[in-house]
N, C-alpha and C. Protein backbone atom coordinates (compact mmCIF):
# COMPACT_ATOMS: atom_id res chain seq x y z
N MET A 1 -56.09 -42.79 -25.40
CA MET A 1 -55.90 -42.70 -24.04
C MET A 1 -54.46 -42.69 -23.97
N ARG A 2 -54.09 -44.00 -25.09
CA ARG A 2 -52.82 -43.66 -24.88
C ARG A 2 -51.67 -43.10 -25.46
N ALA A 3 -52.04 -42.10 -26.50
CA ALA A 3 -51.75 -41.16 -27.03
C ALA A 3 -52.03 -39.87 -26.60
N GLU A 4 -53.08 -40.01 -25.82
CA GLU A 4 -52.93 -38.65 -24.85
C GLU A 4 -52.08 -38.54 -23.65
N ARG A 5 -51.49 -39.94 -23.28
CA ARG A 5 -50.21 -40.00 -22.02
C ARG A 5 -49.27 -39.74 -22.65
N ALA A 6 -49.69 -40.40 -23.68
CA ALA A 6 -47.82 -39.72 -24.13
C ALA A 6 -47.67 -37.88 -24.60
N LEU A 7 -48.50 -37.61 -25.44
CA LEU A 7 -48.61 -36.12 -25.37
C LEU A 7 -48.45 -35.19 -24.06
N ARG A 8 -49.84 -35.79 -22.95
CA ARG A 8 -49.19 -35.52 -21.38
C ARG A 8 -47.90 -35.01 -21.01
N ARG A 9 -47.39 -36.87 -21.28
CA ARG A 9 -45.74 -36.94 -20.73
C ARG A 9 -44.64 -36.01 -21.46
N LEU A 10 -45.23 -35.83 -22.89
CA LEU A 10 -44.24 -34.94 -23.68
C LEU A 10 -44.07 -33.53 -23.58
N GLY A 11 -45.89 -33.27 -23.16
CA GLY A 11 -45.60 -32.06 -22.27
C GLY A 11 -45.00 -31.56 -21.49
N LEU A 12 -44.98 -32.51 -20.51
CA LEU A 12 -44.53 -32.23 -19.10
C LEU A 12 -42.88 -32.41 -19.43
N LEU A 13 -41.98 -33.08 -19.65
CA LEU A 13 -40.70 -32.63 -20.52
C LEU A 13 -40.40 -31.58 -20.80
N LEU A 14 -41.67 -31.12 -22.00
CA LEU A 14 -40.89 -29.86 -22.58
C LEU A 14 -41.00 -28.92 -21.54
N VAL A 15 -42.01 -28.65 -20.48
CA VAL A 15 -41.82 -27.93 -19.29
C VAL A 15 -40.91 -27.79 -18.63
N LEU A 16 -40.02 -29.09 -18.44
CA LEU A 16 -38.81 -29.23 -17.43
C LEU A 16 -37.90 -28.79 -18.37
N LEU A 17 -37.94 -28.69 -19.06
CA LEU A 17 -36.53 -28.66 -20.13
C LEU A 17 -36.38 -27.19 -20.58
N LEU A 18 -38.01 -26.29 -20.33
CA LEU A 18 -37.97 -24.98 -20.96
C LEU A 18 -37.26 -24.44 -19.27
N ALA A 19 -37.86 -25.26 -18.41
CA ALA A 19 -37.56 -24.29 -17.22
C ALA A 19 -35.95 -24.34 -16.79
N THR A 20 -35.95 -25.60 -17.24
CA THR A 20 -34.09 -25.75 -16.77
C THR A 20 -32.74 -24.53 -17.54
N ALA A 21 -33.23 -24.57 -19.07
CA ALA A 21 -32.96 -24.12 -19.87
C ALA A 21 -33.18 -22.01 -19.38
N ALA A 22 -34.47 -21.73 -19.03
CA ALA A 22 -34.51 -20.39 -18.59
C ALA A 22 -33.54 -20.21 -16.92
N ASP A 23 -33.51 -20.74 -16.39
CA ASP A 23 -32.45 -20.45 -15.02
C ASP A 23 -31.10 -21.66 -15.17
N PRO A 24 -30.35 -21.11 -15.83
CA PRO A 24 -29.20 -21.45 -16.53
C PRO A 24 -28.10 -21.37 -15.43
N VAL A 25 -27.20 -22.45 -14.66
CA VAL A 25 -26.21 -22.51 -14.08
C VAL A 25 -25.20 -21.63 -14.67
N VAL A 26 -25.08 -20.77 -13.81
CA VAL A 26 -23.39 -19.84 -14.05
C VAL A 26 -22.07 -20.60 -13.31
N PRO A 27 -20.84 -20.73 -14.33
CA PRO A 27 -20.22 -21.27 -13.16
C PRO A 27 -19.14 -19.65 -12.55
N GLU A 28 -18.32 -19.74 -11.61
CA GLU A 28 -17.83 -18.49 -11.45
C GLU A 28 -16.55 -19.02 -12.10
N PRO A 29 -15.97 -17.38 -13.08
CA PRO A 29 -14.94 -17.60 -13.84
C PRO A 29 -13.75 -17.49 -12.64
N ALA A 30 -12.73 -17.98 -13.67
CA ALA A 30 -11.32 -18.14 -12.39
C ALA A 30 -11.29 -16.42 -12.20
N GLY A 31 -10.81 -15.94 -12.61
CA GLY A 31 -11.08 -14.23 -12.36
C GLY A 31 -12.40 -13.86 -11.95
N PHE A 32 -11.91 -12.52 -12.55
CA PHE A 32 -13.22 -11.42 -12.58
C PHE A 32 -13.65 -11.47 -14.02
N TRP A 33 -14.78 -11.13 -13.74
CA TRP A 33 -15.89 -11.05 -15.06
C TRP A 33 -15.47 -10.17 -16.10
N THR A 34 -15.19 -10.38 -17.58
CA THR A 34 -14.36 -9.14 -18.52
C THR A 34 -15.92 -9.10 -19.47
N GLY A 35 -16.69 -10.00 -19.36
CA GLY A 35 -18.03 -9.78 -20.10
C GLY A 35 -19.40 -9.23 -20.15
N PRO A 36 -20.32 -9.38 -20.83
CA PRO A 36 -21.17 -7.96 -20.51
C PRO A 36 -21.63 -7.71 -19.49
N MET A 37 -21.86 -6.58 -18.94
CA MET A 37 -21.96 -6.51 -17.33
C MET A 37 -23.37 -6.87 -16.98
N HIS A 38 -24.55 -7.05 -17.45
CA HIS A 38 -25.80 -7.59 -17.58
C HIS A 38 -26.53 -8.74 -17.78
N GLY A 39 -26.31 -9.95 -17.13
CA GLY A 39 -26.79 -11.62 -17.64
C GLY A 39 -26.47 -12.11 -16.35
N ALA A 40 -26.95 -13.58 -16.29
CA ALA A 40 -27.15 -14.33 -15.97
C ALA A 40 -25.59 -14.81 -15.17
N VAL A 41 -25.58 -14.47 -13.54
CA VAL A 41 -24.73 -14.38 -12.63
C VAL A 41 -24.55 -15.54 -12.07
N PRO A 42 -23.30 -16.22 -11.28
CA PRO A 42 -22.92 -17.58 -10.58
C PRO A 42 -24.35 -16.95 -9.19
N ALA A 43 -24.76 -18.22 -8.48
CA ALA A 43 -24.95 -18.34 -7.49
C ALA A 43 -24.36 -18.42 -6.49
N THR A 44 -22.73 -18.22 -6.51
CA THR A 44 -21.60 -18.55 -5.59
C THR A 44 -20.75 -17.64 -5.60
N ILE A 45 -19.86 -17.65 -4.29
CA ILE A 45 -18.76 -16.26 -4.24
C ILE A 45 -17.76 -17.37 -3.69
N THR A 46 -16.67 -17.86 -4.33
CA THR A 46 -15.62 -18.59 -3.42
C THR A 46 -15.29 -17.96 -2.52
N GLY A 47 -15.27 -17.78 -0.91
CA GLY A 47 -14.44 -16.53 -0.43
C GLY A 47 -15.18 -16.14 0.35
N GLY A 48 -16.61 -16.07 -0.03
CA GLY A 48 -17.53 -14.78 0.62
C GLY A 48 -18.67 -15.87 1.20
N THR A 49 -19.53 -14.71 1.30
CA THR A 49 -21.22 -15.31 1.39
C THR A 49 -22.28 -14.70 0.57
N VAL A 50 -23.14 -15.32 -0.06
CA VAL A 50 -24.40 -15.18 -0.25
C VAL A 50 -25.23 -14.59 0.06
N VAL A 51 -26.01 -13.45 0.06
CA VAL A 51 -27.16 -13.06 1.42
C VAL A 51 -28.16 -12.99 -0.05
N HIS A 52 -29.32 -12.96 0.94
CA HIS A 52 -30.18 -12.56 -0.04
C HIS A 52 -31.60 -11.86 1.28
N THR A 53 -32.29 -11.25 0.74
CA THR A 53 -32.80 -10.35 1.37
C THR A 53 -33.12 -10.35 3.00
N THR A 54 -33.68 -11.63 3.31
CA THR A 54 -33.77 -11.64 4.17
C THR A 54 -33.05 -12.04 5.33
N GLU A 55 -32.14 -12.87 4.66
CA GLU A 55 -30.55 -12.92 5.41
C GLU A 55 -29.74 -11.48 5.70
N LEU A 56 -29.83 -10.62 4.62
CA LEU A 56 -29.26 -9.40 4.87
C LEU A 56 -29.82 -8.90 6.06
N GLU A 57 -31.30 -8.72 5.61
CA GLU A 57 -32.55 -7.95 6.91
C GLU A 57 -31.43 -8.44 8.55
N ALA A 58 -31.03 -9.61 8.47
CA ALA A 58 -31.05 -10.47 9.94
C ALA A 58 -29.09 -9.71 10.11
N LEU A 59 -28.66 -10.03 9.24
CA LEU A 59 -27.05 -9.32 9.25
C LEU A 59 -26.77 -7.94 9.69
N LEU A 60 -27.71 -7.10 8.79
CA LEU A 60 -27.73 -5.58 9.48
C LEU A 60 -28.18 -5.43 10.91
N ARG A 61 -29.20 -6.10 10.93
CA ARG A 61 -29.56 -6.11 12.57
C ARG A 61 -28.68 -6.19 13.82
N HIS A 62 -27.68 -7.72 13.15
CA HIS A 62 -27.02 -8.33 14.32
C HIS A 62 -25.04 -7.92 14.33
N SER A 63 -25.02 -6.75 13.25
CA SER A 63 -23.62 -6.53 13.20
C SER A 63 -23.41 -4.95 12.69
N ASP A 64 -22.28 -5.05 12.63
CA ASP A 64 -22.34 -4.16 11.85
C ASP A 64 -21.77 -3.56 10.73
N ALA A 65 -21.83 -4.32 9.53
CA ALA A 65 -22.00 -4.82 8.36
C ALA A 65 -21.76 -3.06 7.27
N VAL A 66 -21.54 -3.41 6.30
CA VAL A 66 -20.98 -1.97 5.96
C VAL A 66 -21.81 -2.03 4.33
N LEU A 67 -22.61 -1.13 4.05
CA LEU A 67 -22.73 -1.62 2.80
C LEU A 67 -22.69 -0.82 1.63
N ILE A 68 -22.06 -1.76 0.17
CA ILE A 68 -21.28 -0.65 -0.71
C ILE A 68 -22.10 -1.36 -1.41
N ASP A 69 -22.99 -0.09 -2.49
CA ASP A 69 -23.43 0.08 -3.63
C ASP A 69 -22.38 0.09 -4.91
N VAL A 70 -22.23 -0.36 -5.47
CA VAL A 70 -21.39 -0.48 -6.75
C VAL A 70 -21.15 -0.30 -7.86
N THR A 71 -22.99 0.15 -8.13
CA THR A 71 -23.71 0.45 -9.20
C THR A 71 -22.92 1.62 -9.94
N PRO A 72 -22.98 1.17 -11.49
CA PRO A 72 -22.19 2.27 -12.36
C PRO A 72 -22.44 3.59 -12.33
N ALA A 73 -22.18 4.95 -12.28
CA ALA A 73 -22.53 5.82 -12.30
C ALA A 73 -23.51 6.53 -13.69
N PRO A 74 -24.10 7.22 -13.67
CA PRO A 74 -24.56 7.39 -14.90
C PRO A 74 -24.06 8.40 -15.96
N ARG A 75 -23.79 8.17 -17.28
CA ARG A 75 -23.10 9.25 -17.85
C ARG A 75 -23.69 10.43 -18.55
N LYS A 76 -23.14 11.72 -18.84
CA LYS A 76 -23.43 12.52 -19.55
C LYS A 76 -23.86 12.06 -21.24
N PRO A 77 -25.23 11.65 -21.61
CA PRO A 77 -24.94 11.23 -23.32
C PRO A 77 -24.09 11.70 -24.05
N ALA A 78 -23.31 11.00 -24.85
CA ALA A 78 -22.59 11.49 -25.92
C ALA A 78 -23.32 12.42 -26.80
N GLY A 79 -22.71 13.84 -27.78
CA GLY A 79 -23.62 14.25 -28.22
C GLY A 79 -24.51 15.30 -27.97
N LEU A 80 -24.30 15.43 -26.69
CA LEU A 80 -25.77 16.78 -26.52
C LEU A 80 -24.81 17.73 -26.60
N ALA A 81 -25.61 18.98 -26.53
CA ALA A 81 -25.36 19.93 -27.07
C ALA A 81 -24.53 20.27 -25.58
N PRO A 82 -23.76 21.19 -26.13
CA PRO A 82 -22.36 21.64 -24.85
C PRO A 82 -23.42 23.02 -23.85
N ASN A 83 -24.87 23.75 -24.18
CA ASN A 83 -25.02 23.90 -23.31
C ASN A 83 -26.63 23.97 -23.02
N ALA A 84 -26.39 22.17 -23.22
CA ALA A 84 -27.42 21.72 -22.82
C ALA A 84 -27.25 21.22 -21.25
N VAL A 85 -28.41 21.19 -19.98
CA VAL A 85 -28.65 20.52 -18.95
C VAL A 85 -29.04 18.91 -19.12
N TRP A 86 -28.16 18.53 -18.35
CA TRP A 86 -28.10 17.01 -18.07
C TRP A 86 -28.27 16.68 -16.81
N MET A 87 -29.45 16.27 -16.24
CA MET A 87 -29.56 16.02 -15.06
C MET A 87 -29.96 14.47 -14.90
N PRO A 88 -28.78 13.62 -14.27
CA PRO A 88 -29.26 11.95 -14.55
C PRO A 88 -30.08 11.54 -13.35
N ALA A 89 -30.80 10.63 -13.53
CA ALA A 89 -32.17 10.37 -13.03
C ALA A 89 -31.79 9.78 -11.25
N GLN A 90 -32.33 10.11 -10.68
CA GLN A 90 -32.20 10.30 -8.47
C GLN A 90 -31.69 8.55 -8.82
N HIS A 91 -31.08 8.58 -8.04
CA HIS A 91 -30.25 6.68 -7.41
C HIS A 91 -30.72 7.01 -6.29
N ARG A 92 -31.38 5.53 -6.24
CA ARG A 92 -31.78 5.41 -4.32
C ARG A 92 -31.04 4.21 -4.11
N ASN A 93 -30.40 3.81 -2.93
CA ASN A 93 -29.91 2.17 -2.73
C ASN A 93 -30.61 2.69 -1.32
N ILE A 94 -29.78 0.89 -0.65
CA ILE A 94 -30.07 0.91 0.45
C ILE A 94 -29.95 1.71 1.64
N ALA A 95 -30.77 2.23 2.34
CA ALA A 95 -30.34 3.27 3.49
C ALA A 95 -29.08 2.98 4.36
N SER A 96 -27.91 3.76 4.31
CA SER A 96 -27.34 3.68 4.98
C SER A 96 -25.98 3.33 4.33
N SER A 97 -25.86 2.90 2.66
CA SER A 97 -24.96 2.68 2.10
C SER A 97 -24.12 3.62 1.49
N VAL A 98 -22.64 3.32 1.17
CA VAL A 98 -21.88 3.95 0.22
C VAL A 98 -22.17 3.09 -1.03
N TRP A 99 -22.33 4.71 -1.84
CA TRP A 99 -22.26 4.04 -3.46
C TRP A 99 -20.79 4.77 -4.10
N LEU A 100 -19.97 3.61 -3.64
CA LEU A 100 -18.54 3.66 -4.77
C LEU A 100 -18.80 3.31 -5.92
N SER A 101 -19.04 3.90 -6.76
CA SER A 101 -19.35 3.99 -8.02
C SER A 101 -18.35 3.25 -8.86
N ASP A 102 -18.50 2.58 -10.34
CA ASP A 102 -17.69 2.13 -11.17
C ASP A 102 -16.35 1.38 -10.39
N LEU A 103 -16.30 0.28 -9.76
CA LEU A 103 -15.55 -0.18 -9.51
C LEU A 103 -16.01 -2.12 -9.02
N GLY A 104 -16.95 -2.14 -10.60
CA GLY A 104 -17.19 -3.56 -10.37
C GLY A 104 -16.59 -3.93 -11.85
N ALA A 105 -15.63 -3.58 -12.59
CA ALA A 105 -15.39 -3.68 -13.65
C ALA A 105 -14.62 -4.89 -13.46
N GLY A 106 -14.07 -5.71 -14.97
CA GLY A 106 -13.61 -6.93 -14.85
C GLY A 106 -11.95 -6.53 -14.33
N VAL A 107 -12.02 -5.29 -15.62
CA VAL A 107 -10.53 -4.48 -15.01
C VAL A 107 -9.98 -3.16 -14.57
N LEU A 108 -9.56 -3.43 -13.18
CA LEU A 108 -9.52 -1.74 -12.92
C LEU A 108 -8.38 -1.59 -13.15
N GLY A 109 -8.07 -0.17 -13.13
CA GLY A 109 -6.66 0.08 -13.08
C GLY A 109 -5.98 0.58 -12.00
N ALA A 110 -4.61 0.75 -12.01
CA ALA A 110 -3.83 0.79 -10.86
C ALA A 110 -4.53 2.17 -9.67
N GLY A 111 -4.62 3.08 -10.19
CA GLY A 111 -5.61 4.17 -9.32
C GLY A 111 -6.57 4.02 -8.79
N GLU A 112 -7.47 3.22 -9.78
CA GLU A 112 -8.82 3.09 -9.13
C GLU A 112 -8.94 1.78 -8.12
N ASP A 113 -7.68 0.61 -8.62
CA ASP A 113 -7.82 -0.53 -7.80
C ASP A 113 -7.18 -0.01 -6.11
N ALA A 114 -6.20 1.36 -6.67
CA ALA A 114 -5.59 1.78 -5.27
C ALA A 114 -6.76 2.12 -4.52
N TRP A 115 -7.23 3.03 -5.14
CA TRP A 115 -8.22 4.16 -4.55
C TRP A 115 -9.26 2.89 -3.65
N PHE A 116 -10.11 2.22 -4.37
CA PHE A 116 -10.62 1.08 -3.63
C PHE A 116 -10.23 0.78 -2.68
N ARG A 117 -9.62 0.40 -2.66
CA ARG A 117 -8.47 -0.34 -1.34
C ARG A 117 -8.39 0.56 -0.13
N ALA A 118 -8.16 1.79 -0.54
CA ALA A 118 -8.23 3.14 0.36
C ALA A 118 -9.88 3.02 0.80
N ARG A 119 -10.81 3.38 0.59
CA ARG A 119 -12.36 3.04 0.50
C ARG A 119 -12.21 2.05 1.79
N LEU A 120 -12.37 0.80 1.01
CA LEU A 120 -12.01 -0.25 2.10
C LEU A 120 -11.86 -0.59 3.52
N LYS A 121 -10.61 0.36 3.54
CA LYS A 121 -9.65 0.05 4.84
C LYS A 121 -10.78 1.52 5.43
N GLU A 122 -10.98 2.46 5.44
CA GLU A 122 -11.40 3.70 5.97
C GLU A 122 -12.85 2.61 6.02
N LEU A 123 -13.78 2.62 5.29
CA LEU A 123 -15.03 1.94 5.47
C LEU A 123 -14.74 0.64 6.80
N SER A 124 -14.13 0.10 6.62
CA SER A 124 -13.66 -1.36 7.62
C SER A 124 -12.91 -0.35 9.00
N ARG A 125 -12.57 0.76 9.14
CA ARG A 125 -11.70 1.12 9.88
C ARG A 125 -10.49 0.07 9.90
N GLY A 126 -10.01 -0.41 9.48
CA GLY A 126 -8.38 -1.27 8.81
C GLY A 126 -8.72 -2.48 9.65
N LYS A 127 -10.39 -3.10 9.93
CA LYS A 127 -10.15 -4.06 10.35
C LYS A 127 -11.09 -5.20 9.45
N ARG A 128 -9.65 -6.48 8.97
CA ARG A 128 -10.26 -7.16 7.74
C ARG A 128 -11.40 -8.04 8.40
N ASP A 129 -12.11 -7.88 9.18
CA ASP A 129 -12.94 -8.64 9.33
C ASP A 129 -14.69 -8.68 9.98
N THR A 130 -14.24 -7.24 9.38
CA THR A 130 -15.60 -6.12 9.34
C THR A 130 -16.47 -6.73 8.17
N PRO A 131 -17.73 -7.31 8.75
CA PRO A 131 -18.59 -7.32 7.68
C PRO A 131 -18.74 -6.42 6.37
N LEU A 132 -18.73 -6.87 5.49
CA LEU A 132 -18.94 -6.07 3.91
C LEU A 132 -19.52 -6.24 3.29
N VAL A 133 -21.03 -5.81 2.69
CA VAL A 133 -22.04 -6.36 2.07
C VAL A 133 -21.62 -5.52 0.37
N LEU A 134 -21.43 -6.25 -1.03
CA LEU A 134 -21.25 -5.62 -2.22
C LEU A 134 -22.94 -5.81 -2.79
N TYR A 135 -23.29 -5.04 -3.21
CA TYR A 135 -24.48 -4.94 -4.47
C TYR A 135 -24.53 -4.23 -5.33
N CYS A 136 -25.62 -4.39 -6.16
CA CYS A 136 -25.95 -3.10 -7.49
C CYS A 136 -27.45 -3.67 -7.56
N HIS A 137 -27.28 -4.36 -8.40
CA HIS A 137 -28.75 -4.99 -9.77
C HIS A 137 -29.00 -6.21 -9.56
N PRO A 138 -29.86 -6.52 -10.03
CA PRO A 138 -30.03 -8.27 -9.84
C PRO A 138 -29.37 -8.48 -11.24
N GLN A 139 -29.02 -9.52 -11.38
CA GLN A 139 -27.89 -9.79 -13.13
C GLN A 139 -26.99 -8.84 -13.28
N CYS A 140 -25.93 -8.89 -12.59
CA CYS A 140 -25.63 -7.46 -12.58
C CYS A 140 -24.25 -7.79 -12.21
N TRP A 141 -23.07 -8.23 -13.32
CA TRP A 141 -21.84 -8.52 -12.79
C TRP A 141 -20.75 -8.05 -11.96
N ALA A 142 -21.19 -6.41 -11.78
CA ALA A 142 -20.46 -5.77 -11.23
C ALA A 142 -20.35 -5.38 -9.48
N SER A 143 -21.57 -5.88 -9.03
CA SER A 143 -21.32 -7.03 -7.87
C SER A 143 -20.77 -7.82 -7.49
N TRP A 144 -20.48 -8.65 -7.80
CA TRP A 144 -19.82 -10.09 -7.77
C TRP A 144 -18.65 -9.88 -8.40
N ASN A 145 -18.11 -9.01 -9.26
CA ASN A 145 -16.45 -8.32 -9.17
C ASN A 145 -15.96 -7.49 -8.14
N ALA A 146 -16.96 -6.93 -7.91
CA ALA A 146 -16.16 -5.96 -6.66
C ALA A 146 -16.55 -6.74 -5.59
N ALA A 147 -16.95 -7.58 -4.71
CA ALA A 147 -16.95 -8.73 -4.00
C ALA A 147 -15.51 -9.44 -4.30
N LYS A 148 -15.67 -9.96 -5.47
CA LYS A 148 -14.57 -10.82 -5.48
C LYS A 148 -13.10 -10.04 -5.17
N ARG A 149 -13.16 -9.01 -5.52
CA ARG A 149 -12.25 -8.21 -5.66
C ARG A 149 -11.72 -7.78 -4.28
N THR A 150 -12.69 -7.73 -3.31
CA THR A 150 -12.44 -7.73 -1.81
C THR A 150 -12.04 -8.42 -0.95
N ILE A 151 -12.51 -9.64 -1.70
CA ILE A 151 -12.16 -10.87 -1.36
C ILE A 151 -10.54 -11.05 -0.95
N GLY A 152 -10.19 -10.68 -3.01
CA GLY A 152 -8.63 -10.82 -2.78
C GLY A 152 -8.10 -9.77 -2.33
N TYR A 153 -8.96 -8.83 -1.59
CA TYR A 153 -7.75 -7.29 -0.71
C TYR A 153 -7.21 -8.79 0.39
N GLY A 154 -8.07 -9.73 1.11
CA GLY A 154 -8.05 -10.42 2.40
C GLY A 154 -8.87 -9.53 3.11
N TYR A 155 -9.85 -9.15 2.78
CA TYR A 155 -11.30 -9.30 3.96
C TYR A 155 -11.96 -10.73 4.00
N ARG A 156 -11.74 -10.56 5.38
CA ARG A 156 -12.39 -12.03 5.73
C ARG A 156 -14.21 -12.03 5.66
N LYS A 157 -14.82 -11.02 5.80
CA LYS A 157 -16.28 -11.58 6.00
C LYS A 157 -17.05 -10.73 4.96
N VAL A 158 -16.61 -11.12 3.39
CA VAL A 158 -17.61 -10.41 2.36
C VAL A 158 -18.54 -11.36 2.41
N TYR A 159 -19.86 -9.91 2.15
CA TYR A 159 -20.80 -10.68 1.63
C TYR A 159 -21.28 -10.07 0.09
N TRP A 160 -22.29 -10.95 -0.63
CA TRP A 160 -22.45 -10.47 -1.80
C TRP A 160 -24.15 -10.70 -1.70
N TYR A 161 -24.67 -9.55 -2.28
CA TYR A 161 -26.58 -9.75 -2.42
C TYR A 161 -26.28 -9.29 -3.84
N PRO A 162 -26.67 -10.54 -4.66
CA PRO A 162 -27.30 -10.47 -5.71
C PRO A 162 -28.59 -9.81 -6.36
N ASP A 163 -29.50 -10.28 -5.22
CA ASP A 163 -30.87 -9.55 -5.39
C ASP A 163 -30.76 -8.01 -5.53
N GLY A 164 -30.36 -7.30 -5.47
CA GLY A 164 -29.81 -5.85 -5.34
C GLY A 164 -30.69 -4.40 -4.96
N ILE A 165 -30.40 -3.59 -5.41
CA ILE A 165 -31.62 -2.78 -4.48
C ILE A 165 -33.21 -3.01 -4.97
N GLU A 166 -33.37 -3.42 -6.49
CA GLU A 166 -34.53 -4.52 -6.65
C GLU A 166 -34.91 -5.38 -6.29
N GLY A 167 -34.30 -5.80 -5.37
CA GLY A 167 -35.02 -7.13 -4.45
C GLY A 167 -34.97 -6.41 -3.12
N TRP A 168 -34.46 -5.17 -2.60
CA TRP A 168 -34.72 -4.79 -1.45
C TRP A 168 -35.66 -3.67 -1.04
N GLU A 169 -35.95 -3.20 -2.38
CA GLU A 169 -37.28 -2.32 -2.72
C GLU A 169 -38.74 -3.43 -2.70
N LYS A 170 -38.71 -4.14 -3.49
CA LYS A 170 -39.27 -5.21 -3.55
C LYS A 170 -40.17 -5.51 -2.08
N ALA A 171 -39.13 -5.96 -1.25
CA ALA A 171 -39.52 -6.45 -0.20
C ALA A 171 -40.30 -5.18 1.62
N GLY A 172 -39.87 -3.86 0.67
CA GLY A 172 -40.89 -2.96 1.27
C GLY A 172 -39.44 -1.71 2.03
N LEU A 173 -38.36 -2.65 1.72
CA LEU A 173 -37.40 -1.65 2.68
C LEU A 173 -36.96 -0.31 2.71
N PRO A 174 -36.85 0.09 3.74
CA PRO A 174 -36.14 1.56 3.47
C PRO A 174 -34.84 1.48 2.32
N THR A 175 -35.00 2.90 1.67
CA THR A 175 -34.17 3.38 0.62
C THR A 175 -33.50 4.73 1.18
N ALA A 176 -32.48 5.03 -0.29
CA ALA A 176 -32.26 6.57 0.47
C ALA A 176 -31.41 6.98 -0.85
N SER A 177 -31.61 8.32 -1.07
CA SER A 177 -30.83 9.01 -2.36
C SER A 177 -29.50 8.99 -1.99
N ALA A 178 -28.96 8.76 -3.08
CA ALA A 178 -27.51 8.48 -3.03
C ALA A 178 -26.84 9.49 -3.78
N VAL A 179 -25.77 9.64 -3.42
CA VAL A 179 -24.74 10.39 -4.73
C VAL A 179 -23.27 9.73 -5.19
N ALA A 180 -23.00 9.36 -6.00
CA ALA A 180 -21.92 8.85 -6.17
C ALA A 180 -20.54 8.99 -5.76
N ILE A 181 -19.69 8.40 -5.53
CA ILE A 181 -18.53 8.61 -4.82
C ILE A 181 -17.58 8.21 -6.20
N LEU A 182 -17.05 8.47 -6.65
CA LEU A 182 -16.39 8.44 -8.08
C LEU A 182 -14.50 8.04 -7.94
N PRO A 183 -14.29 6.78 -8.11
CA PRO A 183 -12.52 6.73 -8.17
C PRO A 183 -12.43 8.12 -8.97
N PRO A 184 -10.69 8.71 -8.58
CA PRO A 184 -10.17 9.51 -9.56
C PRO A 184 -9.88 9.11 -11.11
N SER A 185 -9.92 10.10 -12.26
CA SER A 185 -10.19 9.36 -13.22
C SER A 185 -8.60 9.63 -13.92
């Protein structure tokens, strides 16, 4: 009886340890994330607000928030025959989003940075208190970096939606086919 109880306690302890290990607490980096783009992300963003699906729905109902998808655009595979036709998979995002691709890298070139600033100014109509929601996919640093960058540009109502398009789709909410707007190369 005593051994059985000890085994149960040990089993419970093991379950708790595994649950904790499976859900790591990721600290915010001091600057932008420059490591692998896919993996565990922080639960916070200093200077901004983290929103999940129900909160984002409410924000969209009660404000003029601008949705910005920063998912990297698919690239033509290397080594494809010159005359081969390549069609990227259709990209879907949250309906009414603007897809500003490739702006979530840890380091942006001066041209990309200037282009992103100009697009944000355009989308916000020059108002730094316009709610801006940045997202891409769950467990992806691109939207965290883009939101962090937007905060650094002086925008005061920056929202990061870490659930990404998959979280939105899982809730059965409307999506739309999207075309990437790419920064100049």
